[in-house]
Amino acid sequence: MNRFLYSTLFYLMTPLLILRLLWRSLRSPAYLKRWSERFALYSSNPASDKVDIVFHAVSVGEVHAAVPLINLLLDKQPSLRVLVSTSTPTGSSRVTDLLLTDLRQHKVSHVYLPYDYPGATKRFLLRFDPGLLVIMETELWPNLLHACATKGVKLLLANARLSEKSLNNYRKINRLAETMLNQLNRVTAQSLQDS
């Protein structure tokens, strides 16, 4: 599969993505909020949103893995501007809980990572203009990685892990997976087995 076919399929799945948000909102009403972020449609002043680093942490576990790295970076370089993106409201809530002081001091901000549409990923990068995107564990999105590579944003896959199931899924999209992996500047694995 190539990125064009992947993107076409992603656009065709839009009604299913919206239905999924609605379905998930039955258990967690927070899924009804901030939909514009999921499509990279922002309303605030873009000049104030520029960051140095984006940490993408899908949900709670990835947020917990990212926070020590964020704290270490902010201790060493207090002037850094960090954006944490998540995909779930529970992840968003943990960012607020664990980084509240930094959020209040505007050292850290949070946004939902947009869906992997080519236009949305470009708008996301134009809006926040990071120099580095740190992806926690193995949340790889072809259009996001392509947009980063095109714009010159460095890509780090941190705390990476690869389950047998994920490996089999990547084999099904071998060409696309190979392209994504080649766009990463550095990978740090959880264990030797994951390397």
N, C-alpha and C. Protein backbone atom coordinates (compact mmCIF):
# COMPACT_ATOMS: atom_id res chain seq x y z
N MET A 1 0.85 -1.18 0.00
CA MET A 1 0.00 0.00 0.00
C MET A 1 0.89 1.24 0.00
N ASN A 2 0.53 2.25 -0.80
CA ASN A 2 1.27 3.50 -0.77
C ASN A 2 0.47 4.56 -0.01
N ARG A 3 1.09 5.72 0.21
CA ARG A 3 0.47 6.76 1.03
C ARG A 3 -0.76 7.35 0.37
N PHE A 4 -0.78 7.44 -0.97
CA PHE A 4 -1.94 7.98 -1.67
C PHE A 4 -3.17 7.09 -1.42
N LEU A 5 -3.00 5.79 -1.56
CA LEU A 5 -4.11 4.87 -1.33
C LEU A 5 -4.54 4.92 0.13
N TYR A 6 -3.56 4.93 1.03
CA TYR A 6 -3.86 5.04 2.47
C TYR A 6 -4.69 6.29 2.74
N SER A 7 -4.27 7.44 2.19
CA SER A 7 -4.97 8.71 2.43
C SER A 7 -6.38 8.67 1.87
N THR A 8 -6.53 8.09 0.69
CA THR A 8 -7.86 7.97 0.08
C THR A 8 -8.78 7.15 0.98
N LEU A 9 -8.28 6.03 1.48
CA LEU A 9 -9.07 5.20 2.38
C LEU A 9 -9.40 5.94 3.67
N PHE A 10 -8.45 6.73 4.15
CA PHE A 10 -8.67 7.48 5.39
C PHE A 10 -9.80 8.49 5.19
N TYR A 11 -9.78 9.20 4.05
CA TYR A 11 -10.87 10.15 3.76
C TYR A 11 -12.21 9.43 3.67
N LEU A 12 -12.24 8.27 3.04
CA LEU A 12 -13.48 7.52 2.91
C LEU A 12 -14.00 7.03 4.27
N MET A 13 -13.11 6.89 5.24
CA MET A 13 -13.50 6.42 6.57
C MET A 13 -14.01 7.53 7.47
N THR A 14 -14.04 8.77 6.99
CA THR A 14 -14.44 9.90 7.84
C THR A 14 -15.78 9.68 8.54
N PRO A 15 -16.83 9.23 7.84
CA PRO A 15 -18.09 8.99 8.57
C PRO A 15 -17.94 7.98 9.71
N LEU A 16 -17.11 6.96 9.50
CA LEU A 16 -16.88 5.97 10.56
C LEU A 16 -16.13 6.57 11.75
N LEU A 17 -15.19 7.48 11.47
CA LEU A 17 -14.46 8.15 12.56
C LEU A 17 -15.41 8.99 13.40
N ILE A 18 -16.32 9.68 12.73
CA ILE A 18 -17.29 10.51 13.46
C ILE A 18 -18.24 9.62 14.27
N LEU A 19 -18.70 8.53 13.67
CA LEU A 19 -19.56 7.60 14.41
C LEU A 19 -18.82 7.01 15.61
N ARG A 20 -17.53 6.74 15.44
CA ARG A 20 -16.73 6.20 16.55
C ARG A 20 -16.64 7.21 17.70
N LEU A 21 -16.44 8.49 17.37
CA LEU A 21 -16.41 9.52 18.41
C LEU A 21 -17.74 9.58 19.14
N LEU A 22 -18.83 9.53 18.38
CA LEU A 22 -20.16 9.57 18.99
C LEU A 22 -20.38 8.34 19.88
N TRP A 23 -20.00 7.17 19.39
CA TRP A 23 -20.14 5.94 20.15
C TRP A 23 -19.35 6.00 21.46
N ARG A 24 -18.11 6.46 21.36
CA ARG A 24 -17.26 6.54 22.56
C ARG A 24 -17.78 7.58 23.55
N SER A 25 -18.48 8.60 23.02
CA SER A 25 -19.02 9.65 23.90
C SER A 25 -20.15 9.13 24.78
N LEU A 26 -20.73 7.98 24.42
CA LEU A 26 -21.78 7.41 25.27
C LEU A 26 -21.21 6.99 26.63
N ARG A 27 -19.97 6.54 26.63
CA ARG A 27 -19.29 6.18 27.89
C ARG A 27 -18.50 7.34 28.47
N SER A 28 -17.95 8.15 27.60
CA SER A 28 -17.12 9.27 28.04
C SER A 28 -17.53 10.53 27.27
N PRO A 29 -18.37 11.37 27.86
CA PRO A 29 -18.86 12.57 27.17
C PRO A 29 -17.75 13.51 26.68
N ALA A 30 -16.54 13.37 27.21
CA ALA A 30 -15.43 14.22 26.78
C ALA A 30 -15.11 14.02 25.29
N TYR A 31 -15.51 12.88 24.72
CA TYR A 31 -15.28 12.65 23.29
C TYR A 31 -16.10 13.58 22.41
N LEU A 32 -17.10 14.26 22.99
CA LEU A 32 -17.90 15.22 22.22
C LEU A 32 -17.25 16.59 22.13
N LYS A 33 -16.19 16.80 22.90
CA LYS A 33 -15.55 18.12 22.97
C LYS A 33 -14.30 18.20 22.10
N ARG A 34 -13.98 19.41 21.68
CA ARG A 34 -12.74 19.74 20.98
C ARG A 34 -12.56 18.97 19.67
N TRP A 35 -13.66 18.74 18.95
CA TRP A 35 -13.59 18.04 17.67
C TRP A 35 -12.72 18.79 16.66
N SER A 36 -12.74 20.10 16.71
CA SER A 36 -11.98 20.87 15.72
C SER A 36 -10.49 20.52 15.77
N GLU A 37 -9.98 20.22 16.96
CA GLU A 37 -8.57 19.84 17.09
C GLU A 37 -8.28 18.54 16.34
N ARG A 38 -9.24 17.65 16.29
CA ARG A 38 -9.04 16.36 15.62
C ARG A 38 -8.93 16.52 14.10
N PHE A 39 -9.30 17.71 13.61
CA PHE A 39 -9.17 18.01 12.18
C PHE A 39 -8.19 19.17 11.95
N ALA A 40 -7.46 19.54 13.00
CA ALA A 40 -6.47 20.64 12.96
C ALA A 40 -7.09 21.95 12.51
N LEU A 41 -8.25 22.25 13.06
CA LEU A 41 -8.93 23.52 12.82
C LEU A 41 -8.90 24.30 14.13
N TYR A 42 -8.01 25.29 14.19
CA TYR A 42 -7.77 26.01 15.44
C TYR A 42 -8.27 27.44 15.31
N SER A 43 -8.69 28.02 16.44
CA SER A 43 -9.25 29.37 16.38
C SER A 43 -8.39 30.43 17.08
N SER A 44 -7.48 30.05 17.96
CA SER A 44 -6.71 31.05 18.69
C SER A 44 -5.59 31.64 17.84
N ASN A 45 -4.89 32.60 18.41
CA ASN A 45 -3.80 33.30 17.71
C ASN A 45 -2.62 32.35 17.45
N PRO A 46 -2.30 32.08 16.19
CA PRO A 46 -1.24 31.10 15.90
C PRO A 46 0.14 31.52 16.37
N ALA A 47 0.42 32.82 16.45
CA ALA A 47 1.76 33.26 16.84
C ALA A 47 2.11 32.79 18.25
N SER A 48 1.12 32.62 19.10
CA SER A 48 1.39 32.22 20.49
C SER A 48 1.50 30.71 20.64
N ASP A 49 1.26 29.97 19.58
CA ASP A 49 1.22 28.51 19.67
C ASP A 49 2.52 27.83 19.25
N LYS A 50 3.52 28.57 18.83
CA LYS A 50 4.76 27.95 18.37
C LYS A 50 5.45 27.23 19.51
N VAL A 51 5.95 26.02 19.22
CA VAL A 51 6.61 25.22 20.25
C VAL A 51 7.95 24.72 19.72
N ASP A 52 8.78 24.25 20.64
CA ASP A 52 10.06 23.67 20.26
C ASP A 52 9.94 22.17 20.00
N ILE A 53 9.17 21.50 20.88
CA ILE A 53 9.05 20.04 20.81
C ILE A 53 7.59 19.64 20.98
N VAL A 54 7.17 18.67 20.18
CA VAL A 54 5.87 18.02 20.38
C VAL A 54 6.14 16.61 20.87
N PHE A 55 5.49 16.24 21.97
CA PHE A 55 5.48 14.86 22.45
C PHE A 55 4.11 14.30 22.12
N HIS A 56 4.06 13.25 21.30
CA HIS A 56 2.76 12.61 21.07
C HIS A 56 2.65 11.37 21.93
N ALA A 57 1.67 11.39 22.82
CA ALA A 57 1.41 10.30 23.76
C ALA A 57 -0.06 9.94 23.62
N VAL A 58 -0.35 8.83 22.99
CA VAL A 58 -1.72 8.46 22.64
C VAL A 58 -2.67 8.58 23.82
N SER A 59 -2.36 7.90 24.92
CA SER A 59 -3.28 7.88 26.06
C SER A 59 -2.48 7.85 27.36
N VAL A 60 -3.11 7.35 28.40
CA VAL A 60 -2.56 7.43 29.76
C VAL A 60 -1.16 6.82 29.88
N GLY A 61 -0.97 5.61 29.39
CA GLY A 61 0.33 4.94 29.53
C GLY A 61 1.45 5.70 28.87
N GLU A 62 1.21 6.21 27.69
CA GLU A 62 2.23 6.97 26.96
C GLU A 62 2.50 8.31 27.63
N VAL A 63 1.46 8.93 28.19
CA VAL A 63 1.65 10.19 28.93
C VAL A 63 2.57 9.93 30.12
N HIS A 64 2.31 8.85 30.86
CA HIS A 64 3.16 8.52 32.01
C HIS A 64 4.61 8.28 31.58
N ALA A 65 4.81 7.71 30.41
CA ALA A 65 6.18 7.48 29.92
C ALA A 65 6.83 8.79 29.48
N ALA A 66 6.04 9.73 28.96
CA ALA A 66 6.58 10.99 28.44
C ALA A 66 6.90 12.00 29.53
N VAL A 67 6.13 12.03 30.60
CA VAL A 67 6.27 13.08 31.62
C VAL A 67 7.68 13.16 32.21
N PRO A 68 8.34 12.06 32.58
CA PRO A 68 9.71 12.20 33.09
C PRO A 68 10.66 12.84 32.07
N LEU A 69 10.50 12.51 30.80
CA LEU A 69 11.34 13.13 29.76
C LEU A 69 11.06 14.62 29.66
N ILE A 70 9.78 14.99 29.69
CA ILE A 70 9.40 16.40 29.61
C ILE A 70 9.95 17.16 30.80
N ASN A 71 9.79 16.60 32.01
CA ASN A 71 10.30 17.26 33.21
C ASN A 71 11.81 17.43 33.15
N LEU A 72 12.51 16.41 32.69
CA LEU A 72 13.97 16.49 32.58
C LEU A 72 14.38 17.60 31.60
N LEU A 73 13.72 17.64 30.45
CA LEU A 73 14.03 18.69 29.47
C LEU A 73 13.76 20.08 30.01
N LEU A 74 12.62 20.25 30.70
CA LEU A 74 12.28 21.57 31.24
C LEU A 74 13.20 21.97 32.39
N ASP A 75 13.69 20.99 33.15
CA ASP A 75 14.67 21.30 34.19
C ASP A 75 15.97 21.79 33.59
N LYS A 76 16.40 21.16 32.49
CA LYS A 76 17.66 21.53 31.86
C LYS A 76 17.54 22.79 31.00
N GLN A 77 16.37 22.97 30.37
CA GLN A 77 16.15 24.13 29.50
C GLN A 77 14.77 24.72 29.80
N PRO A 78 14.65 25.55 30.83
CA PRO A 78 13.35 26.07 31.25
C PRO A 78 12.64 26.92 30.20
N SER A 79 13.36 27.40 29.20
CA SER A 79 12.72 28.24 28.19
C SER A 79 12.05 27.43 27.07
N LEU A 80 12.22 26.10 27.08
CA LEU A 80 11.60 25.27 26.06
C LEU A 80 10.08 25.40 26.10
N ARG A 81 9.50 25.36 24.91
CA ARG A 81 8.03 25.32 24.80
C ARG A 81 7.66 23.93 24.29
N VAL A 82 6.85 23.23 25.06
CA VAL A 82 6.51 21.84 24.78
C VAL A 82 5.00 21.71 24.56
N LEU A 83 4.65 20.99 23.52
CA LEU A 83 3.26 20.64 23.26
C LEU A 83 3.12 19.14 23.45
N VAL A 84 2.13 18.73 24.22
CA VAL A 84 1.83 17.31 24.37
C VAL A 84 0.53 17.06 23.62
N SER A 85 0.58 16.14 22.67
CA SER A 85 -0.64 15.76 21.96
C SER A 85 -1.05 14.37 22.41
N THR A 86 -2.35 14.17 22.52
CA THR A 86 -2.89 12.86 22.85
C THR A 86 -4.01 12.54 21.87
N SER A 87 -4.53 11.34 21.96
CA SER A 87 -5.66 10.94 21.12
C SER A 87 -6.93 10.70 21.92
N THR A 88 -6.80 10.60 23.24
CA THR A 88 -7.95 10.26 24.07
C THR A 88 -8.17 11.32 25.16
N PRO A 89 -9.42 11.47 25.61
CA PRO A 89 -9.68 12.39 26.73
C PRO A 89 -8.98 11.95 28.03
N THR A 90 -8.83 10.65 28.25
CA THR A 90 -8.13 10.22 29.46
C THR A 90 -6.66 10.62 29.39
N GLY A 91 -6.06 10.53 28.22
CA GLY A 91 -4.69 11.01 28.05
C GLY A 91 -4.60 12.51 28.30
N SER A 92 -5.54 13.25 27.76
CA SER A 92 -5.60 14.70 27.97
C SER A 92 -5.70 15.03 29.45
N SER A 93 -6.55 14.31 30.15
CA SER A 93 -6.75 14.53 31.58
C SER A 93 -5.46 14.26 32.37
N ARG A 94 -4.72 13.22 31.99
CA ARG A 94 -3.46 12.93 32.68
C ARG A 94 -2.41 14.00 32.43
N VAL A 95 -2.40 14.56 31.23
CA VAL A 95 -1.48 15.67 30.95
C VAL A 95 -1.77 16.81 31.92
N THR A 96 -3.04 17.14 32.07
CA THR A 96 -3.44 18.21 32.99
C THR A 96 -3.04 17.86 34.42
N ASP A 97 -3.31 16.64 34.84
CA ASP A 97 -2.99 16.23 36.22
C ASP A 97 -1.50 16.26 36.51
N LEU A 98 -0.69 15.75 35.58
CA LEU A 98 0.74 15.58 35.83
C LEU A 98 1.59 16.80 35.51
N LEU A 99 1.08 17.67 34.65
CA LEU A 99 1.88 18.83 34.21
C LEU A 99 1.16 20.15 34.48
N LEU A 100 0.29 20.17 35.49
CA LEU A 100 -0.54 21.35 35.75
C LEU A 100 0.27 22.62 35.94
N THR A 101 1.33 22.55 36.74
CA THR A 101 2.15 23.74 36.99
C THR A 101 2.75 24.27 35.69
N ASP A 102 3.29 23.37 34.87
CA ASP A 102 3.89 23.79 33.60
C ASP A 102 2.82 24.32 32.64
N LEU A 103 1.63 23.75 32.69
CA LEU A 103 0.53 24.26 31.85
C LEU A 103 0.18 25.69 32.27
N ARG A 104 0.11 25.92 33.58
CA ARG A 104 -0.22 27.26 34.09
C ARG A 104 0.87 28.28 33.75
N GLN A 105 2.10 27.82 33.71
CA GLN A 105 3.21 28.72 33.39
C GLN A 105 3.45 28.82 31.88
N HIS A 106 2.60 28.18 31.10
CA HIS A 106 2.66 28.20 29.63
C HIS A 106 3.96 27.61 29.08
N LYS A 107 4.59 26.72 29.84
CA LYS A 107 5.75 25.98 29.34
C LYS A 107 5.28 24.78 28.52
N VAL A 108 4.11 24.26 28.91
CA VAL A 108 3.53 23.08 28.26
C VAL A 108 2.11 23.41 27.84
N SER A 109 1.73 22.90 26.67
CA SER A 109 0.34 23.02 26.23
C SER A 109 -0.12 21.65 25.75
N HIS A 110 -1.41 21.52 25.55
CA HIS A 110 -1.97 20.24 25.12
C HIS A 110 -2.94 20.47 23.97
N VAL A 111 -2.98 19.50 23.06
CA VAL A 111 -3.95 19.49 21.97
C VAL A 111 -4.14 18.03 21.55
N TYR A 112 -5.29 17.73 20.99
CA TYR A 112 -5.46 16.40 20.40
C TYR A 112 -4.70 16.34 19.09
N LEU A 113 -4.02 15.23 18.85
CA LEU A 113 -3.37 15.04 17.56
C LEU A 113 -4.45 14.91 16.50
N PRO A 114 -4.35 15.64 15.40
CA PRO A 114 -5.40 15.51 14.38
C PRO A 114 -5.36 14.14 13.71
N TYR A 115 -6.50 13.79 13.14
CA TYR A 115 -6.55 12.58 12.33
C TYR A 115 -5.55 12.71 11.20
N ASP A 116 -5.11 11.58 10.68
CA ASP A 116 -3.97 11.54 9.75
C ASP A 116 -4.36 11.88 8.30
N TYR A 117 -5.09 12.96 8.13
CA TYR A 117 -5.37 13.48 6.79
C TYR A 117 -4.17 14.33 6.36
N PRO A 118 -3.79 14.31 5.09
CA PRO A 118 -2.64 15.12 4.66
C PRO A 118 -2.79 16.60 5.02
N GLY A 119 -3.95 17.18 4.76
CA GLY A 119 -4.16 18.60 5.06
C GLY A 119 -4.12 18.89 6.54
N ALA A 120 -4.69 18.02 7.35
CA ALA A 120 -4.71 18.23 8.80
C ALA A 120 -3.31 18.17 9.39
N THR A 121 -2.50 17.22 8.93
CA THR A 121 -1.14 17.12 9.47
C THR A 121 -0.31 18.35 9.07
N LYS A 122 -0.51 18.85 7.86
CA LYS A 122 0.20 20.07 7.43
C LYS A 122 -0.23 21.26 8.28
N ARG A 123 -1.54 21.41 8.52
CA ARG A 123 -2.04 22.53 9.35
C ARG A 123 -1.49 22.43 10.77
N PHE A 124 -1.43 21.22 11.30
CA PHE A 124 -0.90 21.00 12.64
C PHE A 124 0.55 21.49 12.73
N LEU A 125 1.36 21.09 11.76
CA LEU A 125 2.78 21.48 11.78
C LEU A 125 2.96 22.96 11.51
N LEU A 126 2.16 23.52 10.63
CA LEU A 126 2.25 24.96 10.37
C LEU A 126 1.86 25.76 11.62
N ARG A 127 0.87 25.27 12.32
CA ARG A 127 0.38 25.97 13.51
C ARG A 127 1.41 25.98 14.63
N PHE A 128 1.99 24.83 14.91
CA PHE A 128 2.86 24.71 16.08
C PHE A 128 4.34 24.78 15.75
N ASP A 129 4.71 24.54 14.50
CA ASP A 129 6.07 24.74 13.99
C ASP A 129 7.17 24.14 14.89
N PRO A 130 7.05 22.86 15.25
CA PRO A 130 8.08 22.28 16.13
C PRO A 130 9.36 21.96 15.36
N GLY A 131 10.45 21.85 16.11
CA GLY A 131 11.70 21.39 15.52
C GLY A 131 11.85 19.89 15.67
N LEU A 132 11.11 19.33 16.64
CA LEU A 132 11.23 17.91 16.96
C LEU A 132 9.86 17.36 17.34
N LEU A 133 9.54 16.18 16.83
CA LEU A 133 8.35 15.45 17.23
C LEU A 133 8.81 14.14 17.86
N VAL A 134 8.47 13.95 19.12
CA VAL A 134 8.79 12.73 19.85
C VAL A 134 7.52 11.90 19.92
N ILE A 135 7.55 10.73 19.33
CA ILE A 135 6.40 9.83 19.33
C ILE A 135 6.66 8.76 20.38
N MET A 136 5.76 8.66 21.34
CA MET A 136 5.93 7.68 22.40
C MET A 136 5.41 6.31 21.96
N GLU A 137 6.23 5.32 22.16
CA GLU A 137 5.96 3.91 21.87
C GLU A 137 5.84 3.67 20.36
N THR A 138 4.70 3.35 19.79
CA THR A 138 4.69 3.02 18.37
C THR A 138 3.44 3.56 17.68
N GLU A 139 3.20 4.84 17.81
CA GLU A 139 2.03 5.48 17.20
C GLU A 139 2.49 6.15 15.90
N LEU A 140 2.62 5.36 14.85
CA LEU A 140 3.13 5.87 13.58
C LEU A 140 1.99 6.14 12.61
N TRP A 141 1.97 7.35 12.08
CA TRP A 141 0.94 7.77 11.12
C TRP A 141 1.63 8.24 9.85
N PRO A 142 1.35 7.61 8.71
CA PRO A 142 2.08 7.91 7.47
C PRO A 142 2.07 9.37 7.04
N ASN A 143 0.92 10.03 7.09
CA ASN A 143 0.87 11.43 6.63
C ASN A 143 1.57 12.37 7.60
N LEU A 144 1.47 12.09 8.88
CA LEU A 144 2.17 12.91 9.86
C LEU A 144 3.68 12.79 9.68
N LEU A 145 4.17 11.58 9.53
CA LEU A 145 5.61 11.39 9.35
C LEU A 145 6.08 12.00 8.04
N HIS A 146 5.28 11.85 6.99
CA HIS A 146 5.64 12.46 5.70
C HIS A 146 5.69 13.98 5.81
N ALA A 147 4.69 14.57 6.47
CA ALA A 147 4.67 16.04 6.62
C ALA A 147 5.86 16.51 7.43
N CYS A 148 6.23 15.77 8.47
CA CYS A 148 7.41 16.13 9.27
C CYS A 148 8.68 16.06 8.43
N ALA A 149 8.83 14.98 7.68
CA ALA A 149 10.01 14.82 6.84
C ALA A 149 10.09 15.93 5.78
N THR A 150 8.96 16.28 5.19
CA THR A 150 8.91 17.33 4.18
C THR A 150 9.27 18.69 4.77
N LYS A 151 8.79 18.96 5.98
CA LYS A 151 9.00 20.27 6.62
C LYS A 151 10.34 20.34 7.37
N GLY A 152 11.02 19.20 7.50
CA GLY A 152 12.31 19.21 8.20
C GLY A 152 12.19 19.08 9.70
N VAL A 153 11.07 18.58 10.18
CA VAL A 153 10.89 18.34 11.61
C VAL A 153 11.54 17.00 11.95
N LYS A 154 12.46 17.00 12.90
CA LYS A 154 13.13 15.77 13.31
C LYS A 154 12.12 14.84 13.99
N LEU A 155 12.28 13.54 13.77
CA LEU A 155 11.36 12.53 14.31
C LEU A 155 12.10 11.55 15.20
N LEU A 156 11.65 11.43 16.43
CA LEU A 156 12.22 10.49 17.38
C LEU A 156 11.11 9.56 17.86
N LEU A 157 11.29 8.27 17.71
CA LEU A 157 10.38 7.27 18.26
C LEU A 157 10.99 6.82 19.58
N ALA A 158 10.34 7.20 20.69
CA ALA A 158 10.90 6.94 22.02
C ALA A 158 10.14 5.83 22.73
N ASN A 159 10.88 5.04 23.49
CA ASN A 159 10.29 3.96 24.27
C ASN A 159 9.55 2.98 23.36
N ALA A 160 10.10 2.76 22.18
CA ALA A 160 9.43 1.97 21.14
C ALA A 160 9.29 0.51 21.56
N ARG A 161 8.19 -0.06 21.13
CA ARG A 161 7.96 -1.48 21.34
C ARG A 161 7.25 -2.03 20.11
N LEU A 162 7.44 -3.30 19.85
CA LEU A 162 6.83 -3.90 18.67
C LEU A 162 6.30 -5.28 19.05
N SER A 163 4.98 -5.35 19.17
CA SER A 163 4.36 -6.64 19.50
C SER A 163 4.30 -7.49 18.23
N GLU A 164 4.07 -8.77 18.42
CA GLU A 164 3.93 -9.68 17.28
C GLU A 164 2.77 -9.25 16.39
N LYS A 165 1.69 -8.82 17.01
CA LYS A 165 0.51 -8.37 16.26
C LYS A 165 0.86 -7.15 15.40
N SER A 166 1.56 -6.18 16.00
CA SER A 166 1.95 -4.98 15.25
C SER A 166 2.88 -5.34 14.10
N LEU A 167 3.83 -6.24 14.37
CA LEU A 167 4.76 -6.66 13.33
C LEU A 167 3.99 -7.27 12.15
N ASN A 168 3.02 -8.12 12.45
CA ASN A 168 2.22 -8.73 11.38
C ASN A 168 1.41 -7.68 10.61
N ASN A 169 0.90 -6.67 11.33
CA ASN A 169 0.15 -5.59 10.66
C ASN A 169 1.07 -4.78 9.75
N TYR A 170 2.29 -4.49 10.22
CA TYR A 170 3.24 -3.75 9.39
C TYR A 170 3.63 -4.54 8.15
N ARG A 171 3.71 -5.85 8.28
CA ARG A 171 4.05 -6.69 7.12
C ARG A 171 2.98 -6.59 6.03
N LYS A 172 1.73 -6.37 6.43
CA LYS A 172 0.64 -6.25 5.46
C LYS A 172 0.76 -4.97 4.63
N ILE A 173 1.38 -3.96 5.21
CA ILE A 173 1.58 -2.69 4.50
C ILE A 173 3.08 -2.41 4.39
N ASN A 174 3.80 -3.41 3.96
CA ASN A 174 5.26 -3.42 3.97
C ASN A 174 5.87 -2.14 3.38
N ARG A 175 5.43 -1.76 2.20
CA ARG A 175 6.02 -0.60 1.51
C ARG A 175 5.79 0.69 2.31
N LEU A 176 4.57 0.87 2.79
CA LEU A 176 4.23 2.06 3.57
C LEU A 176 4.99 2.05 4.90
N ALA A 177 5.05 0.90 5.55
CA ALA A 177 5.77 0.78 6.83
C ALA A 177 7.26 1.08 6.65
N GLU A 178 7.84 0.58 5.58
CA GLU A 178 9.26 0.83 5.32
C GLU A 178 9.53 2.32 5.12
N THR A 179 8.65 2.98 4.39
CA THR A 179 8.78 4.42 4.17
C THR A 179 8.72 5.16 5.50
N MET A 180 7.74 4.80 6.34
CA MET A 180 7.60 5.47 7.64
C MET A 180 8.86 5.29 8.48
N LEU A 181 9.32 4.06 8.57
CA LEU A 181 10.49 3.78 9.40
C LEU A 181 11.73 4.52 8.91
N ASN A 182 11.86 4.67 7.60
CA ASN A 182 13.00 5.40 7.04
C ASN A 182 12.93 6.90 7.31
N GLN A 183 11.74 7.40 7.64
CA GLN A 183 11.60 8.84 7.93
C GLN A 183 11.98 9.18 9.36
N LEU A 184 12.09 8.18 10.22
CA LEU A 184 12.47 8.42 11.61
C LEU A 184 13.95 8.75 11.69
N ASN A 185 14.29 9.77 12.47
CA ASN A 185 15.69 10.13 12.65
C ASN A 185 16.38 9.27 13.71
N ARG A 186 15.60 8.84 14.69
CA ARG A 186 16.18 8.03 15.76
C ARG A 186 15.07 7.22 16.42
N VAL A 187 15.44 6.01 16.86
CA VAL A 187 14.51 5.13 17.57
C VAL A 187 15.20 4.67 18.85
N THR A 188 14.51 4.83 19.97
CA THR A 188 14.99 4.25 21.24
C THR A 188 13.96 3.22 21.66
N ALA A 189 14.39 1.98 21.87
CA ALA A 189 13.48 0.87 22.15
C ALA A 189 13.36 0.61 23.64
N GLN A 190 12.24 0.00 24.03
CA GLN A 190 12.03 -0.37 25.42
C GLN A 190 12.99 -1.47 25.86
N SER A 191 13.31 -2.37 24.95
CA SER A 191 14.17 -3.50 25.30
C SER A 191 14.96 -3.92 24.07
N LEU A 192 15.94 -4.78 24.26
CA LEU A 192 16.72 -5.30 23.15
C LEU A 192 15.83 -6.07 22.17
N GLN A 193 14.84 -6.76 22.71
CA GLN A 193 13.91 -7.53 21.87
C GLN A 193 13.14 -6.62 20.90
N ASP A 194 12.87 -5.37 21.34
CA ASP A 194 12.13 -4.42 20.51
C ASP A 194 13.03 -3.69 19.52
N SER A 195 14.34 -3.80 19.64
CA SER A 195 15.26 -3.06 18.77
C SER A 195 15.26 -3.60 17.36
